Amino acid sequence: MTEASDTLELCARADVAEGSILKVETDGLVLAVYHAEGAFYVTDDTCTHGPGSLSEGYLDGHVIECDFHNGSFDIRDGEVVAPPCVVKLKTYKVIPHETMVVIARA
């Protein structure tokens, strides 16, 4: 069982509609919370290529496109999908919870 100190509550699940993204700033982190195809995913909010905020990007299925230089990542594993990005995006493990989006502390 995961100890409460090993997790971080980000927001209510109801705060992130299907197909949308929510920027969350907490505990020194700036994160993007995605609700895609019935599941929740969490990544760093800042694009690895530049100052773009991924929560302001375009979500298509499991792919987030940064609105700054149009690079894309797979939100499930952070892998680069399209240039100019070349550095993988940091992702966070989402812990199952009935009403909240909760991640494991890295």
Protein backbone atom coordinates (compact mmCIF):
# COMPACT_ATOMS: atom_id res chain seq x y z
CA MET A 1 0.00 0.00 0.00
CA THR A 2 1.22 3.50 -0.83
CA GLU A 3 1.83 5.83 2.10
CA ALA A 4 0.13 9.24 1.91
CA SER A 5 3.52 10.99 2.06
CA ASP A 6 4.54 9.12 -1.10
CA THR A 7 1.67 10.66 -3.08
CA LEU A 8 0.51 14.10 -4.11
CA GLU A 9 -3.12 15.11 -4.72
CA LEU A 10 -3.35 17.42 -7.73
CA CYS A 11 -7.04 18.13 -8.35
CA ALA A 12 -10.48 16.60 -8.40
CA ARG A 13 -11.09 14.25 -11.32
CA ALA A 14 -14.20 16.31 -12.10
CA ASP A 15 -11.96 19.39 -12.68
CA VAL A 16 -10.55 17.88 -15.89
CA ALA A 17 -13.17 17.16 -18.54
CA GLU A 18 -12.61 14.35 -21.04
CA GLY A 19 -10.26 15.56 -23.79
CA SER A 20 -8.97 18.52 -21.80
CA ILE A 21 -5.88 19.62 -19.88
CA LEU A 22 -5.47 21.41 -16.55
CA LYS A 23 -2.33 23.20 -15.37
CA VAL A 24 -1.58 22.50 -11.71
CA GLU A 25 1.11 24.22 -9.64
CA THR A 26 1.82 22.48 -6.34
CA ASP A 27 4.70 21.40 -4.14
CA GLY A 28 7.24 23.22 -6.35
CA LEU A 29 6.01 21.47 -9.50
CA VAL A 30 4.25 22.86 -12.57
CA LEU A 31 2.27 20.00 -14.10
CA ALA A 32 -0.20 19.29 -16.88
CA VAL A 33 -3.07 16.94 -15.98
CA TYR A 34 -4.71 15.30 -19.01
CA HIS A 35 -8.00 13.40 -19.28
CA ALA A 36 -7.69 11.37 -22.46
CA GLU A 37 -9.73 8.42 -23.63
CA GLY A 38 -11.13 7.75 -20.17
CA ALA A 39 -7.83 7.87 -18.26
CA PHE A 40 -5.78 10.52 -16.47
CA TYR A 41 -2.13 11.30 -17.24
CA VAL A 42 0.31 13.78 -15.72
CA THR A 43 3.47 15.32 -17.20
CA ASP A 44 5.64 18.35 -16.58
CA ASP A 45 3.85 21.35 -18.06
CA THR A 46 6.91 22.90 -19.72
CA CYS A 47 7.89 21.62 -23.15
CA THR A 48 11.40 20.17 -23.28
CA HIS A 49 12.17 22.23 -26.40
CA GLY A 50 11.36 25.70 -25.12
CA PRO A 51 9.19 27.81 -22.85
CA GLY A 52 5.86 26.45 -24.15
CA SER A 53 3.19 25.46 -21.64
CA LEU A 54 1.77 22.08 -22.64
CA SER A 55 -1.48 22.80 -20.80
CA GLU A 56 -2.05 25.47 -23.47
CA GLY A 57 -1.34 22.97 -26.25
CA TYR A 58 -3.55 20.75 -28.38
CA LEU A 59 -4.53 17.31 -27.12
CA ASP A 60 -5.36 14.68 -29.75
CA GLY A 61 -5.93 11.28 -28.17
CA HIS A 62 -2.71 10.54 -26.27
CA VAL A 63 -0.61 13.15 -28.10
CA ILE A 64 -0.02 16.67 -26.80
CA GLU A 65 1.20 19.26 -29.30
CA CYS A 66 3.03 22.24 -27.83
CA ASP A 67 1.59 25.52 -29.05
CA PHE A 68 5.04 27.18 -29.01
CA HIS A 69 6.96 25.22 -31.70
CA ASN A 70 4.41 22.48 -32.49
CA GLY A 71 6.53 19.62 -31.16
CA SER A 72 4.53 16.66 -29.83
CA PHE A 73 4.76 14.07 -27.07
CA ASP A 74 2.90 10.90 -26.10
CA ILE A 75 1.41 11.72 -22.69
CA ARG A 76 1.48 8.06 -21.64
CA ASP A 77 5.27 7.73 -21.62
CA GLY A 78 6.67 11.15 -22.56
CA GLU A 79 8.21 9.94 -25.81
CA VAL A 80 8.75 12.53 -28.53
CA VAL A 81 6.24 12.14 -31.35
CA ALA A 82 7.21 15.10 -33.55
CA PRO A 83 10.14 17.52 -33.85
CA PRO A 84 11.54 19.99 -33.06
CA CYS A 85 11.44 18.27 -29.66
CA VAL A 86 14.15 15.67 -29.08
CA VAL A 87 14.17 15.29 -25.27
CA LYS A 88 11.59 13.03 -23.66
CA LEU A 89 8.94 14.67 -21.44
CA LYS A 90 8.84 13.75 -17.74
CA THR A 91 5.71 11.79 -16.81
CA TYR A 92 4.29 10.90 -13.40
CA LYS A 93 2.58 7.71 -12.28
CA VAL A 94 -1.11 8.32 -11.60
CA ILE A 95 -2.37 6.44 -8.54
CA PRO A 96 -5.95 5.13 -8.80
CA HIS A 97 -8.34 7.19 -6.67
CA GLU A 98 -12.10 7.51 -6.78
CA THR A 99 -12.44 11.30 -6.79
CA MET A 100 -8.97 12.88 -7.05
CA VAL A 101 -6.07 12.86 -9.49
CA VAL A 102 -3.16 11.61 -7.38
CA ILE A 103 0.45 10.99 -8.45
CA ALA A 104 3.35 9.14 -6.92
CA ARG A 105 6.11 11.45 -5.77
CA ALA A 106 9.12 10.97 -8.00
